[in-house]
């Protein structure tokens, strides 16, 4: 009985230690990814020649979007098979490509509005992520609901691409904030569960793998949260 209690305590300490280390890498790499995205976006926004090369053809635009989607799929499916350094390189490649596509933000919105939206997104994200990491509630049921809502959001966004409805854009943006707020809580909780499972399975690279996967998840959550808050804020040039 004493041995079982000692083993359980030791395992929990290992999980907590791995989780602390993994979250440190999650936020470090997530911040690095956001920084790279911002630098690339600003560089493109201030270079008309690059803008012309990137956005003069729908084929190029859809090619960039396809490459981003493909990288997310590759990292998500092959994270346990590839070397952590390769996965990290792919993550930063994704962040750089995202900077290319998001460069239009600096052409469409005022810098004051962008800064306001970023500050609001950062504050909201920090609070929600903390809730996700500390809550003891089982959020398993929340996953399918959020996925279904996300698919509905994508359909509505594509539809409004053609309809150009101001009302529908506002509804989609508000729904986007709510959905990605929920995903921030869910994914933060999921990172903790991923760490626990990896430790119990004896994965010696748990910190690196969870750090990269967690960084990708929270990077996407924050970026989308920021974009939908920006749309709600308005302030277009």
Protein backbone atom coordinates (compact mmCIF):
# COMPACT_ATOMS: atom_id res chain seq x y z
CA UNK A 1 0.00 0.00 0.00
CA UNK A 2 2.79 2.41 0.90
CA UNK A 3 4.67 1.47 -2.28
CA UNK A 4 1.57 2.19 -4.41
CA UNK A 5 1.11 5.55 -2.71
CA UNK A 6 4.79 6.41 -3.26
CA UNK A 7 4.62 5.33 -6.92
CA UNK A 8 1.47 7.39 -7.49
CA UNK A 9 3.04 10.46 -5.87
CA UNK A 10 6.22 10.03 -7.90
CA UNK A 11 4.25 9.72 -11.15
CA UNK A 12 2.22 12.83 -10.38
CA UNK A 13 5.38 14.77 -9.60
CA UNK A 14 6.83 13.65 -12.95
CA UNK A 15 3.66 14.78 -14.75
CA UNK A 16 3.67 18.17 -13.01
CA UNK A 17 7.36 18.69 -13.75
CA UNK A 18 6.94 17.74 -17.42
CA UNK A 19 3.85 19.94 -17.73
CA UNK A 20 5.64 22.97 -16.28
CA UNK A 21 8.57 22.48 -18.66
CA UNK A 22 6.27 21.84 -21.64
CA UNK A 23 4.18 24.96 -20.99
CA UNK A 24 7.35 27.02 -20.79
CA UNK A 25 8.24 25.84 -24.29
CA UNK A 26 4.65 26.25 -25.50
CA UNK A 27 4.57 29.94 -24.64
CA UNK A 28 8.16 30.51 -25.76
CA UNK A 29 7.63 28.98 -29.20
CA UNK A 30 4.16 30.45 -29.55
CA UNK A 31 5.57 33.93 -28.84
CA UNK A 32 8.40 33.30 -31.29
CA UNK A 33 5.91 32.21 -33.93
CA UNK A 34 3.75 35.29 -33.41
CA UNK A 35 6.84 37.49 -33.55
CA UNK A 36 7.92 35.93 -36.85
CA UNK A 37 4.41 36.32 -38.26
CA UNK A 38 4.37 40.00 -37.31
CA UNK A 39 7.82 40.72 -38.78
CA UNK A 40 6.98 39.00 -42.07
CA UNK A 41 3.57 40.72 -42.27
CA UNK A 42 5.11 44.16 -41.71
CA UNK A 43 7.88 43.51 -44.24
CA UNK A 44 5.39 42.51 -46.92
CA UNK A 45 2.99 45.37 -46.08
CA UNK A 46 5.81 47.87 -46.63
CA UNK A 47 6.99 46.36 -49.91
CA UNK A 48 4.56 46.97 -52.82
CA UNK A 49 6.59 44.71 -55.09
CA UNK A 50 6.14 41.68 -52.86
CA UNK A 51 2.46 42.52 -52.39
CA UNK A 52 1.98 42.56 -56.13
CA UNK A 53 3.75 39.23 -56.55
CA UNK A 54 1.74 37.56 -53.79
CA UNK A 55 -1.76 38.92 -54.26
CA UNK A 56 -2.05 39.63 -57.97
CA UNK A 57 -3.10 36.04 -58.63
CA UNK A 58 -5.78 33.99 -56.87
CA UNK A 59 -3.66 30.92 -57.62
CA UNK A 60 -0.84 32.29 -55.47
CA UNK A 61 -3.19 33.20 -52.62
CA UNK A 62 -4.87 29.81 -52.57
CA UNK A 63 -1.47 28.17 -52.88
CA UNK A 64 -0.32 29.93 -49.71
CA UNK A 65 -3.49 28.96 -47.87
CA UNK A 66 -3.13 25.36 -49.06
CA UNK A 67 0.51 25.24 -47.92
CA UNK A 68 -0.48 26.52 -44.47
CA UNK A 69 -3.26 23.96 -44.14
CA UNK A 70 -0.93 21.20 -45.29
CA UNK A 71 1.70 22.11 -42.71
CA UNK A 72 -0.86 22.03 -39.89
CA UNK A 73 -2.00 18.58 -41.00
CA UNK A 74 1.57 17.26 -41.31
CA UNK A 75 2.62 18.54 -37.89
CA UNK A 76 -0.55 17.28 -36.20
CA UNK A 77 -0.42 13.78 -37.71
CA UNK A 78 3.32 13.17 -37.70
CA UNK A 79 4.43 14.91 -34.50
CA UNK A 80 5.18 11.58 -32.79
CA UNK A 81 7.20 10.28 -35.74
CA UNK A 82 9.40 13.23 -36.68
CA UNK A 83 12.35 14.68 -34.81
CA UNK A 84 11.33 17.61 -32.55
CA UNK A 85 13.76 19.90 -34.40
CA UNK A 86 12.01 19.12 -37.70
CA UNK A 87 8.56 19.71 -36.19
CA UNK A 88 9.74 23.01 -34.72
CA UNK A 89 11.14 24.07 -38.09
CA UNK A 90 7.82 23.29 -39.76
CA UNK A 91 6.00 25.29 -37.10
CA UNK A 92 8.12 28.37 -37.77
CA UNK A 93 7.72 27.85 -41.52
CA UNK A 94 3.97 27.89 -40.95
CA UNK A 95 4.28 31.07 -38.88
CA UNK A 96 6.26 32.73 -41.68
CA UNK A 97 3.71 31.76 -44.34
CA UNK A 98 0.93 33.06 -42.10
CA UNK A 99 2.76 36.38 -41.98
CA UNK A 100 2.59 36.55 -45.78
CA UNK A 101 -1.18 36.09 -45.86
CA UNK A 102 -1.86 38.36 -42.86
CA UNK A 103 0.19 41.25 -44.25
CA UNK A 104 -3.06 42.66 -45.64
CA UNK A 105 -4.12 43.44 -42.06
CA UNK A 106 -1.66 46.37 -41.98
CA UNK A 107 -3.05 47.62 -45.29
CA UNK A 108 -6.71 47.43 -44.25
CA UNK A 109 -6.74 48.52 -40.58
CA UNK A 110 -5.32 51.48 -38.69
CA UNK A 111 -2.35 50.73 -36.44
CA UNK A 112 -4.27 52.02 -33.42
CA UNK A 113 -7.09 49.56 -34.05
CA UNK A 114 -4.61 46.72 -34.57
CA UNK A 115 -2.88 47.54 -31.29
CA UNK A 116 -6.19 47.74 -29.42
CA UNK A 117 -7.37 44.41 -30.83
CA UNK A 118 -4.04 42.77 -30.04
CA UNK A 119 -4.12 43.99 -26.45
CA UNK A 120 -7.69 42.79 -25.98
CA UNK A 121 -6.89 39.41 -27.53
CA UNK A 122 -3.75 38.99 -25.40
CA UNK A 123 -5.59 39.80 -22.16
CA UNK A 124 -8.50 37.51 -22.98
CA UNK A 125 -6.21 34.72 -24.15
CA UNK A 126 -4.06 34.84 -21.01
CA UNK A 127 -7.07 34.57 -18.71
CA UNK A 128 -8.72 31.78 -20.69
CA UNK A 129 -5.51 29.77 -21.00
CA UNK A 130 -5.00 30.01 -17.23
CA UNK A 131 -8.55 28.75 -16.68
CA UNK A 132 -7.90 25.81 -19.01
CA UNK A 133 -4.67 24.85 -17.25
CA UNK A 134 -6.11 25.00 -13.73
CA UNK A 135 -9.67 23.73 -14.10
CA UNK A 136 -10.47 20.27 -12.80
CA UNK A 137 -13.63 19.95 -14.87
CA UNK A 138 -13.82 17.32 -17.60
CA UNK A 139 -13.99 19.25 -20.88
CA UNK A 140 -14.17 16.18 -23.13
CA UNK A 141 -17.72 16.96 -24.27
CA UNK A 142 -16.70 20.47 -25.20
CA UNK A 143 -14.40 19.25 -27.99
CA UNK A 144 -17.02 17.92 -30.45
CA UNK A 145 -19.25 20.96 -29.80
CA UNK A 146 -16.42 23.35 -30.57
CA UNK A 147 -15.43 21.39 -33.69
CA UNK A 148 -19.02 21.46 -35.01
CA UNK A 149 -19.23 25.19 -34.26
CA UNK A 150 -15.92 25.78 -36.02
CA UNK A 151 -17.12 23.98 -39.15
CA UNK A 152 -20.28 26.08 -39.10
CA UNK A 153 -18.15 29.20 -38.73
CA UNK A 154 -16.06 28.24 -41.77
CA UNK A 155 -19.19 27.65 -43.87
CA UNK A 156 -20.67 31.00 -42.81
CA UNK A 157 -17.38 32.78 -43.55
CA UNK A 158 -17.18 31.29 -47.04
CA UNK A 159 -20.83 32.17 -47.69
CA UNK A 160 -20.24 35.77 -46.66
CA UNK A 161 -17.26 35.92 -49.00
CA UNK A 162 -19.87 35.96 -51.78
CA UNK A 163 -22.74 37.72 -49.96
CA UNK A 164 -20.64 40.56 -48.49
CA UNK A 165 -23.24 41.10 -45.76
CA UNK A 166 -22.17 43.51 -43.01
CA UNK A 167 -24.63 41.96 -40.56
CA UNK A 168 -23.45 38.42 -41.28
CA UNK A 169 -19.82 39.52 -40.96
CA UNK A 170 -20.57 40.94 -37.50
CA UNK A 171 -22.37 37.74 -36.44
CA UNK A 172 -19.53 35.57 -37.77
CA UNK A 173 -16.92 37.71 -35.99
CA UNK A 174 -18.78 37.55 -32.66
CA UNK A 175 -19.25 33.80 -33.04
CA UNK A 176 -15.55 33.48 -33.89
CA UNK A 177 -14.52 35.22 -30.67
CA UNK A 178 -16.76 32.93 -28.63
CA UNK A 179 -15.61 29.75 -30.39
CA UNK A 180 -11.89 30.48 -30.15
CA UNK A 181 -12.29 31.60 -26.56
CA UNK A 182 -13.71 28.14 -25.89
CA UNK A 183 -10.93 26.49 -27.89
CA UNK A 184 -8.30 28.36 -25.86
CA UNK A 185 -9.69 26.88 -22.64
CA UNK A 186 -10.12 23.43 -24.20
CA UNK A 187 -6.68 23.29 -25.83
CA UNK A 188 -4.92 24.52 -22.67
CA UNK A 189 -6.60 21.72 -20.74
CA UNK A 190 -5.76 19.27 -23.52
CA UNK A 191 -2.05 20.15 -23.33
CA UNK A 192 -2.04 19.07 -19.70
CA UNK A 193 -3.75 15.80 -20.61
CA UNK A 194 -1.30 15.21 -23.48
CA UNK A 195 1.59 15.68 -21.07
CA UNK A 196 0.13 13.21 -18.57
CA UNK A 197 -0.49 10.57 -21.24
CA UNK A 198 3.01 10.96 -22.69
CA UNK A 199 4.66 10.64 -19.27
CA UNK A 200 2.66 7.51 -18.44
CA UNK A 201 3.67 6.01 -21.81
CA UNK A 202 7.33 6.68 -21.04
CA UNK A 203 7.88 9.18 -23.87
CA UNK A 204 11.32 10.66 -23.18
CA UNK A 205 10.66 13.51 -25.64
CA UNK A 206 7.39 14.53 -24.03
CA UNK A 207 8.46 18.10 -23.28
CA UNK A 208 9.64 18.76 -26.85
CA UNK A 209 6.65 17.11 -28.55
CA UNK A 210 3.99 18.61 -26.31
CA UNK A 211 5.74 21.97 -26.46
CA UNK A 212 5.57 22.09 -30.26
CA UNK A 213 2.03 20.72 -30.57
CA UNK A 214 0.80 22.97 -27.79
CA UNK A 215 2.47 26.01 -29.36
CA UNK A 216 0.74 25.29 -32.67
CA UNK A 217 -2.69 24.88 -31.05
CA UNK A 218 -2.48 28.01 -28.93
CA UNK A 219 -0.86 30.00 -31.75
CA UNK A 220 -3.88 29.25 -33.94
CA UNK A 221 -6.31 30.02 -31.10
CA UNK A 222 -4.70 33.38 -30.32
CA UNK A 223 -4.32 34.43 -33.94
CA UNK A 224 -7.97 33.71 -34.76
CA UNK A 225 -9.12 35.36 -31.54
CA UNK A 226 -7.15 38.46 -32.52
CA UNK A 227 -8.50 38.50 -36.08
CA UNK A 228 -12.15 38.22 -35.03
CA UNK A 229 -11.75 40.89 -32.35
CA UNK A 230 -10.09 43.10 -34.99
CA UNK A 231 -13.06 42.67 -37.30
CA UNK A 232 -15.44 43.61 -34.50
CA UNK A 233 -13.36 46.67 -33.65
CA UNK A 234 -13.62 48.06 -37.18
CA UNK A 235 -11.34 51.02 -37.81
CA UNK A 236 -10.63 50.16 -41.42
CA UNK A 237 -8.71 52.63 -43.57
